[in-house]
Amino acid sequence: MKPRTLCRRTLLLAAGATLTALATPAAAQTSDDMSIGSATAPLHLIEYASLTCPHCAHFHAQNWATLKANYIDTGRVRFTLHEMVTPPAPVALAMFQLARCGEASADEYMRRVSILFERQAAILGTGTMAGVLNALLATGAEWGLTAPQVTAALNDPAGVDRIERSIAAASAAGVYQTPSFSFEDEFEQDPAFRTPEGMVRILDARLAQHR
């Protein structure tokens, strides 16, 4: 089943977004990505993530506060989120559409993404698409978004087009799993980056190279 507010084409994304392995060609950047942090930061970290991926939610629960406070907000790292979808693909797309709803700024978008990661299990655990829709409407209301605004965002076919471009760009870059991380054209291969201690160690080592 799918949320009634989502385009039927979103069902076609699931097959293309079954992410299972990682290769390492140069990462592609598109204007569809959301970025925060200083444009002159010595490091540019790109995360390929899906709002329905439990591993992405775990990374954000464990690492995001440190990454943002100690690296992004201090001007040492520029952060870009490259949107991906993992099953259920229509729900992942709907969650990203909600994060962008109302022409949200990049900072507001990332604030919303963090909240959606926190609520991922609850949203998916509703068990029905109607339950997912109600959860997204309720979350949108907390952010001052009206039900018509949220419904319009979920129905917007531009979101499907954006995700298809995002998946195509990631595939061309050799990304097949979430979360994946790259520094410009170099993928981070150390799995320890997903842990708070490993992330700090790797970021500090990379920053030391730019002194």
Protein backbone atom coordinates (compact mmCIF):
# COMPACT_ATOMS: atom_id res chain seq x y z
CA MET A 1 0.00 0.00 0.00
CA LYS A 2 1.00 3.63 -0.33
CA PRO A 3 -0.11 6.91 1.22
CA ARG A 4 -3.00 8.27 -0.77
CA THR A 5 -1.22 11.59 -1.01
CA LEU A 6 1.75 10.11 -2.89
CA CYS A 7 2.19 9.77 -6.61
CA ARG A 8 1.98 6.21 -7.93
CA ARG A 9 5.45 6.66 -9.50
CA THR A 10 7.04 6.54 -6.06
CA LEU A 11 6.47 2.80 -5.98
CA LEU A 12 8.90 2.49 -8.85
CA LEU A 13 11.70 3.91 -6.73
CA ALA A 14 11.92 0.98 -4.35
CA ALA A 15 13.75 -1.31 -6.77
CA GLY A 16 16.28 1.36 -7.65
CA ALA A 17 16.85 2.20 -4.00
CA THR A 18 17.67 -1.25 -2.61
CA LEU A 19 21.08 -0.23 -1.39
CA THR A 20 23.44 -3.09 -0.67
CA ALA A 21 27.10 -2.39 -1.56
CA LEU A 22 29.56 0.49 -1.86
CA ALA A 23 31.98 1.39 -4.63
CA THR A 24 34.17 4.47 -4.75
CA PRO A 25 34.03 6.63 -7.90
CA ALA A 26 33.81 10.42 -7.54
CA ALA A 27 30.71 11.69 -5.74
CA ALA A 28 28.21 13.73 -7.71
CA GLN A 29 26.70 16.93 -6.34
CA THR A 30 23.40 18.41 -7.41
CA SER A 31 21.48 21.55 -6.51
CA ASP A 32 18.84 19.25 -5.01
CA ASP A 33 21.09 18.53 -2.02
CA MET A 34 20.75 20.49 1.23
CA SER A 35 23.89 21.96 2.80
CA ILE A 36 24.65 23.71 6.07
CA GLY A 37 27.85 25.14 7.51
CA SER A 38 30.48 27.49 6.22
CA ALA A 39 31.07 27.50 2.47
CA THR A 40 34.77 27.99 3.25
CA ALA A 41 35.06 25.10 5.71
CA PRO A 42 38.20 23.01 5.11
CA LEU A 43 36.15 19.79 4.95
CA HIS A 44 32.96 19.10 3.02
CA LEU A 45 31.19 16.01 4.33
CA ILE A 46 28.43 14.49 2.20
CA GLU A 47 26.03 11.97 3.70
CA TYR A 48 23.84 9.75 1.54
CA ALA A 49 20.89 8.93 3.76
CA SER A 50 17.27 7.77 3.79
CA LEU A 51 14.75 8.80 6.42
CA THR A 52 13.45 5.21 6.56
CA CYS A 53 16.91 3.65 7.01
CA PRO A 54 17.42 2.47 10.62
CA HIS A 55 21.21 2.67 10.25
CA CYS A 56 20.91 6.33 9.22
CA ALA A 57 18.66 6.99 12.21
CA HIS A 58 21.20 5.32 14.49
CA PHE A 59 24.03 7.44 13.09
CA HIS A 60 22.07 10.63 13.66
CA ALA A 61 21.04 9.59 17.17
CA GLN A 62 24.63 8.85 18.15
CA ASN A 63 26.67 11.31 16.09
CA TRP A 64 24.65 14.30 14.91
CA ALA A 65 24.82 16.46 18.04
CA THR A 66 28.62 16.21 18.14
CA LEU A 67 29.00 16.66 14.39
CA LYS A 68 26.86 19.78 14.32
CA ALA A 69 28.07 21.47 17.51
CA ASN A 70 31.79 20.72 17.25
CA TYR A 71 32.39 20.70 13.51
CA ILE A 72 29.59 22.28 11.47
CA ASP A 73 28.72 25.18 13.78
CA THR A 74 32.41 25.95 14.37
CA GLY A 75 33.04 26.40 10.63
CA ARG A 76 35.30 23.38 10.29
CA VAL A 77 32.93 21.15 8.29
CA ARG A 78 30.35 21.92 5.65
CA PHE A 79 27.66 19.25 5.65
CA THR A 80 25.50 18.15 2.73
CA LEU A 81 22.63 15.68 2.89
CA HIS A 82 22.02 13.76 -0.32
CA GLU A 83 18.54 12.27 -0.19
CA MET A 84 18.06 8.56 -0.84
CA VAL A 85 15.08 6.24 -0.35
CA THR A 86 14.98 2.83 1.26
CA PRO A 87 11.87 0.70 1.76
CA PRO A 88 9.16 1.73 2.20
CA ALA A 89 10.18 4.17 -0.52
CA PRO A 90 6.93 6.19 -0.56
CA VAL A 91 7.32 6.88 3.17
CA ALA A 92 10.95 7.96 2.80
CA LEU A 93 9.94 10.38 0.05
CA ALA A 94 7.01 11.67 2.10
CA MET A 95 9.27 12.36 5.06
CA PHE A 96 11.74 14.29 2.91
CA GLN A 97 8.87 16.24 1.39
CA LEU A 98 7.68 17.15 4.87
CA ALA A 99 11.19 18.29 5.82
CA ARG A 100 11.21 20.64 2.81
CA CYS A 101 7.60 21.80 3.19
CA GLY A 102 7.00 25.53 3.19
CA GLU A 103 10.27 26.29 1.41
CA ALA A 104 12.24 25.44 4.55
CA SER A 105 15.74 26.86 4.79
CA ALA A 106 18.63 24.40 4.86
CA ASP A 107 19.03 24.90 8.62
CA GLU A 108 15.31 24.35 9.25
CA TYR A 109 15.34 21.36 6.90
CA MET A 110 18.16 19.73 8.88
CA ARG A 111 16.37 20.46 12.16
CA ARG A 112 13.29 18.70 10.79
CA VAL A 113 15.33 15.80 9.43
CA SER A 114 16.79 15.23 12.89
CA ILE A 115 13.30 15.11 14.40
CA LEU A 116 12.07 12.72 11.70
CA PHE A 117 15.01 10.41 12.36
CA GLU A 118 14.11 10.47 16.07
CA ARG A 119 10.52 9.55 15.21
CA GLN A 120 11.34 7.07 12.46
CA ALA A 121 10.39 3.96 14.44
CA ALA A 122 7.15 5.53 15.65
CA ILE A 123 6.17 6.69 12.16
CA LEU A 124 6.91 3.34 10.55
CA GLY A 125 5.40 1.53 13.51
CA THR A 126 1.95 2.94 12.86
CA GLY A 127 1.51 -0.12 10.65
CA THR A 128 -0.61 1.47 7.96
CA MET A 129 -0.15 4.15 5.34
CA ALA A 130 -3.05 6.03 6.88
CA GLY A 131 -1.18 5.94 10.18
CA VAL A 132 1.97 7.25 8.52
CA LEU A 133 0.01 10.07 6.93
CA ASN A 134 -1.58 11.03 10.24
CA ALA A 135 1.83 11.02 11.94
CA LEU A 136 3.29 13.29 9.26
CA LEU A 137 0.32 15.66 9.45
CA ALA A 138 0.69 15.83 13.23
CA THR A 139 4.42 16.50 12.98
CA GLY A 140 3.83 19.18 10.37
CA ALA A 141 1.29 20.83 12.66
CA GLU A 142 3.96 21.02 15.38
CA TRP A 143 6.12 22.96 12.93
CA GLY A 144 3.33 25.40 12.12
CA LEU A 145 2.44 23.75 8.82
CA THR A 146 -1.22 23.43 7.88
CA ALA A 147 -2.75 20.18 6.69
CA PRO A 148 -3.23 21.61 3.16
CA GLN A 149 0.45 22.62 3.08
CA VAL A 150 1.59 19.15 4.08
CA THR A 151 -0.81 17.45 1.70
CA ALA A 152 0.37 19.66 -1.16
CA ALA A 153 4.00 18.83 -0.35
CA LEU A 154 3.30 15.09 -0.31
CA ASN A 155 1.46 15.36 -3.62
CA ASP A 156 4.10 17.48 -5.34
CA PRO A 157 5.43 15.49 -8.34
CA ALA A 158 8.61 17.58 -8.21
CA GLY A 159 9.59 15.55 -5.16
CA VAL A 160 9.51 12.31 -7.14
CA ASP A 161 11.61 13.90 -9.88
CA ARG A 162 14.11 15.19 -7.32
CA ILE A 163 14.52 11.79 -5.65
CA GLU A 164 14.94 10.08 -9.03
CA ARG A 165 17.72 12.57 -9.87
CA SER A 166 19.27 12.01 -6.47
CA ILE A 167 19.29 8.23 -6.83
CA ALA A 168 20.70 8.48 -10.35
CA ALA A 169 23.50 10.78 -9.19
CA ALA A 170 24.32 8.53 -6.25
CA SER A 171 24.33 5.44 -8.45
CA ALA A 172 26.68 7.16 -10.90
CA ALA A 173 28.95 7.96 -7.95
CA GLY A 174 28.96 4.34 -6.84
CA VAL A 175 26.74 4.67 -3.77
CA TYR A 176 24.58 1.64 -3.05
CA GLN A 177 24.05 1.70 0.72
CA THR A 178 22.87 4.08 3.39
CA PRO A 179 24.34 5.76 5.20
CA SER A 180 27.39 6.41 3.04
CA PHE A 181 29.81 9.28 3.54
CA SER A 182 32.23 11.08 1.30
CA PHE A 183 34.59 14.01 1.53
CA GLU A 184 34.14 15.68 -1.85
CA ASP A 185 35.31 12.94 -4.26
CA GLU A 186 36.70 10.52 -1.64
CA PHE A 187 34.45 8.02 0.10
CA GLU A 188 35.07 7.25 3.75
CA GLN A 189 35.70 3.53 3.90
CA ASP A 190 36.33 3.14 7.64
CA PRO A 191 33.14 1.74 9.24
CA ALA A 192 34.27 3.32 12.51
CA PHE A 193 33.08 6.65 11.12
CA ARG A 194 29.55 5.60 12.09
CA THR A 195 30.53 5.60 15.78
CA PRO A 196 30.94 8.85 17.72
CA GLU A 197 34.55 8.09 18.67
CA GLY A 198 35.50 6.96 15.18
CA MET A 199 33.87 9.97 13.55
CA VAL A 200 35.75 12.39 15.81
CA ARG A 201 39.04 10.59 15.20
CA ILE A 202 38.61 10.59 11.43
CA LEU A 203 37.39 14.19 11.20
CA ASP A 204 40.24 15.43 13.39
CA ALA A 205 42.78 13.53 11.30
CA ARG A 206 41.39 14.97 8.07
CA LEU A 207 41.26 18.48 9.51
CA ALA A 208 44.89 18.16 10.62
CA GLN A 209 45.83 17.68 6.97
CA HIS A 210 44.38 21.12 6.16
CA ARG A 211 46.36 23.07 8.76
